Amino acid sequence: MPYYVYILTNKSNILYVGVTNSLERRIQEHRAKKRHFTSKYNINKLIYYQEFDQIVDAINAEKKIKGWTRQKKMELIKTINPEFNNLSI
C-alpha cells in the first residue's frame, strides 16, 4: 500500500503538510471541510505529493518538511510543480 506526504494551499498561499494512505480520499475530506485547520482556512488545492512504500518513511518525511522554512517548502514544491498547479483530480 502506498503512503503519501502532501502539501495543500489556498488563495492566500497558506501551506498545509499532511500524510495519508489514500491521497484521493484525503483530498475529498479536505474539500468536504472534515479537517479543522484546512476547513478554517479553505485549504484545498493539492500542489505537491510524494509517494512512499512504508508509513514510517512518509511520517518521517512529513515531520522533516513541517520543520522547514516556508522558502524551503516552496523550493520543494517547485521541483515537481513549478507553476503551482492543482495536482488533484
N, C-alpha and C. Protein backbone atom coordinates (compact mmCIF):
# COMPACT_ATOMS: atom_id res chain seq x y z
N MET A 1 0.85 -1.18 0.00
CA MET A 1 0.00 0.00 0.00
C MET A 1 0.89 1.24 0.00
N PRO A 2 0.65 2.16 -0.88
CA PRO A 2 1.45 3.39 -0.88
C PRO A 2 0.99 4.37 0.20
N TYR A 3 1.91 5.19 0.62
CA TYR A 3 1.64 6.26 1.59
C TYR A 3 2.15 7.55 0.97
N TYR A 4 1.54 8.65 1.35
CA TYR A 4 1.85 9.92 0.70
C TYR A 4 2.09 11.03 1.72
N VAL A 5 3.05 11.87 1.42
CA VAL A 5 3.20 13.17 2.05
C VAL A 5 2.69 14.16 1.02
N TYR A 6 1.90 15.12 1.47
CA TYR A 6 1.31 16.05 0.52
C TYR A 6 1.31 17.46 1.09
N ILE A 7 1.23 18.43 0.18
CA ILE A 7 1.13 19.83 0.58
C ILE A 7 -0.06 20.43 -0.15
N LEU A 8 -0.90 21.09 0.64
CA LEU A 8 -2.07 21.80 0.11
C LEU A 8 -1.87 23.30 0.33
N THR A 9 -2.62 24.08 -0.42
CA THR A 9 -2.60 25.53 -0.25
C THR A 9 -3.99 26.10 -0.52
N ASN A 10 -4.09 27.41 -0.41
CA ASN A 10 -5.35 28.12 -0.70
C ASN A 10 -5.03 29.40 -1.48
N LYS A 11 -6.02 30.26 -1.63
CA LYS A 11 -5.81 31.50 -2.39
C LYS A 11 -4.82 32.45 -1.72
N SER A 12 -4.67 32.32 -0.40
CA SER A 12 -3.72 33.15 0.33
C SER A 12 -2.34 32.53 0.44
N ASN A 13 -2.17 31.37 -0.20
CA ASN A 13 -0.89 30.65 -0.22
C ASN A 13 -0.43 30.15 1.15
N ILE A 14 -1.37 29.85 2.03
CA ILE A 14 -1.04 29.18 3.28
C ILE A 14 -0.72 27.73 2.92
N LEU A 15 0.31 27.17 3.53
CA LEU A 15 0.72 25.80 3.22
C LEU A 15 0.31 24.86 4.35
N TYR A 16 -0.15 23.68 3.96
CA TYR A 16 -0.52 22.62 4.91
C TYR A 16 0.18 21.34 4.47
N VAL A 17 0.90 20.70 5.38
CA VAL A 17 1.61 19.46 5.09
C VAL A 17 0.91 18.33 5.83
N GLY A 18 0.64 17.23 5.12
CA GLY A 18 -0.01 16.09 5.75
C GLY A 18 0.51 14.77 5.22
N VAL A 19 0.02 13.68 5.80
CA VAL A 19 0.38 12.33 5.39
C VAL A 19 -0.88 11.49 5.34
N THR A 20 -0.94 10.55 4.39
CA THR A 20 -2.13 9.71 4.24
C THR A 20 -1.77 8.44 3.49
N ASN A 21 -2.68 7.47 3.56
CA ASN A 21 -2.52 6.25 2.75
C ASN A 21 -3.46 6.27 1.55
N SER A 22 -4.29 7.31 1.45
CA SER A 22 -5.20 7.46 0.31
C SER A 22 -5.29 8.93 -0.04
N LEU A 23 -4.51 9.34 -0.99
CA LEU A 23 -4.47 10.75 -1.36
C LEU A 23 -5.83 11.24 -1.86
N GLU A 24 -6.48 10.45 -2.69
CA GLU A 24 -7.79 10.84 -3.22
C GLU A 24 -8.82 11.04 -2.10
N ARG A 25 -8.88 10.09 -1.17
CA ARG A 25 -9.83 10.19 -0.05
C ARG A 25 -9.51 11.40 0.81
N ARG A 26 -8.23 11.62 1.10
CA ARG A 26 -7.86 12.73 1.98
C ARG A 26 -8.19 14.07 1.34
N ILE A 27 -7.97 14.21 0.06
CA ILE A 27 -8.31 15.47 -0.62
C ILE A 27 -9.82 15.69 -0.55
N GLN A 28 -10.59 14.65 -0.73
CA GLN A 28 -12.05 14.76 -0.61
C GLN A 28 -12.44 15.20 0.80
N GLU A 29 -11.77 14.67 1.81
CA GLU A 29 -12.06 15.07 3.19
C GLU A 29 -11.75 16.54 3.40
N HIS A 30 -10.64 17.01 2.87
CA HIS A 30 -10.29 18.43 3.00
C HIS A 30 -11.35 19.29 2.30
N ARG A 31 -11.76 18.90 1.13
CA ARG A 31 -12.75 19.69 0.38
C ARG A 31 -14.12 19.66 1.04
N ALA A 32 -14.42 18.57 1.76
CA ALA A 32 -15.70 18.45 2.47
C ALA A 32 -15.64 19.11 3.85
N LYS A 33 -14.53 19.77 4.12
CA LYS A 33 -14.34 20.51 5.38
C LYS A 33 -14.35 19.60 6.60
N LYS A 34 -13.82 18.39 6.46
CA LYS A 34 -13.76 17.45 7.58
C LYS A 34 -12.47 17.57 8.38
N ARG A 35 -11.59 18.42 7.97
CA ARG A 35 -10.32 18.64 8.66
C ARG A 35 -10.32 20.08 9.19
N HIS A 36 -10.09 20.25 10.48
CA HIS A 36 -10.28 21.55 11.12
C HIS A 36 -9.43 22.67 10.52
N PHE A 37 -8.11 22.51 10.49
CA PHE A 37 -7.24 23.59 10.01
C PHE A 37 -7.54 23.94 8.56
N THR A 38 -7.65 22.91 7.71
CA THR A 38 -7.88 23.18 6.29
C THR A 38 -9.28 23.73 6.05
N SER A 39 -10.23 23.36 6.89
CA SER A 39 -11.58 23.90 6.78
C SER A 39 -11.59 25.38 7.16
N LYS A 40 -10.92 25.69 8.24
CA LYS A 40 -10.87 27.07 8.73
C LYS A 40 -10.28 28.03 7.70
N TYR A 41 -9.26 27.57 6.97
CA TYR A 41 -8.56 28.43 6.02
C TYR A 41 -8.87 28.10 4.56
N ASN A 42 -9.85 27.24 4.33
CA ASN A 42 -10.27 26.83 2.98
C ASN A 42 -9.08 26.34 2.14
N ILE A 43 -8.30 25.47 2.73
CA ILE A 43 -7.11 24.91 2.06
C ILE A 43 -7.54 23.64 1.34
N ASN A 44 -7.48 23.66 0.00
CA ASN A 44 -8.00 22.52 -0.75
C ASN A 44 -7.30 22.28 -2.09
N LYS A 45 -6.22 22.97 -2.35
CA LYS A 45 -5.51 22.83 -3.62
C LYS A 45 -4.24 22.01 -3.41
N LEU A 46 -4.18 20.82 -4.00
CA LEU A 46 -3.02 19.95 -3.89
C LEU A 46 -1.92 20.47 -4.81
N ILE A 47 -0.77 20.81 -4.23
CA ILE A 47 0.33 21.35 -5.04
C ILE A 47 1.60 20.51 -4.99
N TYR A 48 1.62 19.51 -4.10
CA TYR A 48 2.80 18.64 -4.00
C TYR A 48 2.39 17.33 -3.35
N TYR A 49 2.99 16.24 -3.83
CA TYR A 49 2.89 14.97 -3.11
C TYR A 49 4.07 14.10 -3.47
N GLN A 50 4.37 13.21 -2.55
CA GLN A 50 5.45 12.25 -2.74
C GLN A 50 4.98 10.91 -2.19
N GLU A 51 5.24 9.84 -2.92
CA GLU A 51 4.79 8.50 -2.55
C GLU A 51 5.90 7.72 -1.84
N PHE A 52 5.50 6.94 -0.84
CA PHE A 52 6.41 6.10 -0.09
C PHE A 52 5.83 4.70 0.03
N ASP A 53 6.71 3.70 0.16
CA ASP A 53 6.27 2.32 0.35
C ASP A 53 5.95 2.02 1.81
N GLN A 54 6.64 2.69 2.71
CA GLN A 54 6.49 2.43 4.15
C GLN A 54 5.93 3.65 4.87
N ILE A 55 4.97 3.43 5.77
CA ILE A 55 4.36 4.53 6.51
C ILE A 55 5.39 5.30 7.34
N VAL A 56 6.34 4.58 7.91
CA VAL A 56 7.35 5.25 8.73
C VAL A 56 8.16 6.25 7.90
N ASP A 57 8.43 5.93 6.65
CA ASP A 57 9.16 6.84 5.77
C ASP A 57 8.32 8.07 5.45
N ALA A 58 7.03 7.87 5.23
CA ALA A 58 6.14 9.00 4.94
C ALA A 58 6.02 9.92 6.15
N ILE A 59 5.88 9.33 7.33
CA ILE A 59 5.76 10.13 8.55
C ILE A 59 7.05 10.91 8.81
N ASN A 60 8.19 10.26 8.61
CA ASN A 60 9.46 10.96 8.80
C ASN A 60 9.62 12.11 7.82
N ALA A 61 9.21 11.90 6.57
CA ALA A 61 9.28 12.98 5.58
C ALA A 61 8.35 14.13 5.96
N GLU A 62 7.15 13.80 6.43
CA GLU A 62 6.19 14.83 6.85
C GLU A 62 6.80 15.68 7.98
N LYS A 63 7.35 15.02 8.98
CA LYS A 63 7.95 15.74 10.11
C LYS A 63 9.10 16.63 9.65
N LYS A 64 9.92 16.11 8.75
CA LYS A 64 11.05 16.87 8.24
C LYS A 64 10.56 18.12 7.50
N ILE A 65 9.59 17.94 6.59
CA ILE A 65 9.07 19.07 5.81
C ILE A 65 8.41 20.10 6.71
N LYS A 66 7.64 19.64 7.70
CA LYS A 66 6.98 20.58 8.62
C LYS A 66 7.98 21.44 9.37
N GLY A 67 9.19 20.94 9.57
CA GLY A 67 10.22 21.70 10.27
C GLY A 67 10.96 22.69 9.39
N TRP A 68 10.73 22.64 8.10
CA TRP A 68 11.41 23.54 7.17
C TRP A 68 10.81 24.93 7.19
N THR A 69 11.60 25.87 6.68
CA THR A 69 11.09 27.23 6.48
C THR A 69 10.10 27.21 5.30
N ARG A 70 9.32 28.24 5.22
CA ARG A 70 8.37 28.37 4.10
C ARG A 70 9.13 28.36 2.77
N GLN A 71 10.25 29.06 2.71
CA GLN A 71 11.03 29.15 1.48
C GLN A 71 11.50 27.77 1.03
N LYS A 72 11.96 26.97 1.96
CA LYS A 72 12.44 25.63 1.61
C LYS A 72 11.27 24.76 1.12
N LYS A 73 10.10 24.91 1.73
CA LYS A 73 8.91 24.17 1.27
C LYS A 73 8.54 24.59 -0.16
N MET A 74 8.62 25.89 -0.42
CA MET A 74 8.29 26.40 -1.75
C MET A 74 9.27 25.84 -2.79
N GLU A 75 10.53 25.75 -2.43
CA GLU A 75 11.53 25.19 -3.34
C GLU A 75 11.25 23.72 -3.62
N LEU A 76 10.82 22.98 -2.60
CA LEU A 76 10.45 21.57 -2.79
C LEU A 76 9.28 21.45 -3.75
N ILE A 77 8.27 22.26 -3.57
CA ILE A 77 7.08 22.23 -4.44
C ILE A 77 7.50 22.50 -5.89
N LYS A 78 8.36 23.45 -6.09
CA LYS A 78 8.80 23.83 -7.44
C LYS A 78 9.53 22.70 -8.16
N THR A 79 10.08 21.73 -7.42
CA THR A 79 10.79 20.62 -8.06
C THR A 79 9.87 19.75 -8.90
N ILE A 80 8.58 19.67 -8.52
CA ILE A 80 7.64 18.87 -9.31
C ILE A 80 6.50 19.70 -9.89
N ASN A 81 6.32 20.91 -9.37
CA ASN A 81 5.17 21.72 -9.78
C ASN A 81 5.55 23.20 -9.80
N PRO A 82 6.40 23.61 -10.73
CA PRO A 82 6.88 25.00 -10.74
C PRO A 82 5.80 26.04 -10.95
N GLU A 83 4.69 25.66 -11.53
CA GLU A 83 3.58 26.61 -11.76
C GLU A 83 2.56 26.60 -10.63
N PHE A 84 2.74 25.73 -9.64
CA PHE A 84 1.82 25.60 -8.51
C PHE A 84 0.40 25.28 -8.97
N ASN A 85 0.32 24.42 -9.98
CA ASN A 85 -0.98 23.96 -10.48
C ASN A 85 -1.62 23.01 -9.48
N ASN A 86 -2.95 22.90 -9.55
CA ASN A 86 -3.67 21.95 -8.72
C ASN A 86 -3.44 20.56 -9.28
N LEU A 87 -2.84 19.67 -8.48
CA LEU A 87 -2.50 18.32 -8.94
C LEU A 87 -3.59 17.30 -8.65
N SER A 88 -4.62 17.71 -7.93
CA SER A 88 -5.68 16.75 -7.61
C SER A 88 -6.64 16.57 -8.78
N ILE A 89 -7.26 15.42 -8.78
CA ILE A 89 -8.18 15.07 -9.87
C ILE A 89 -9.54 15.67 -9.60
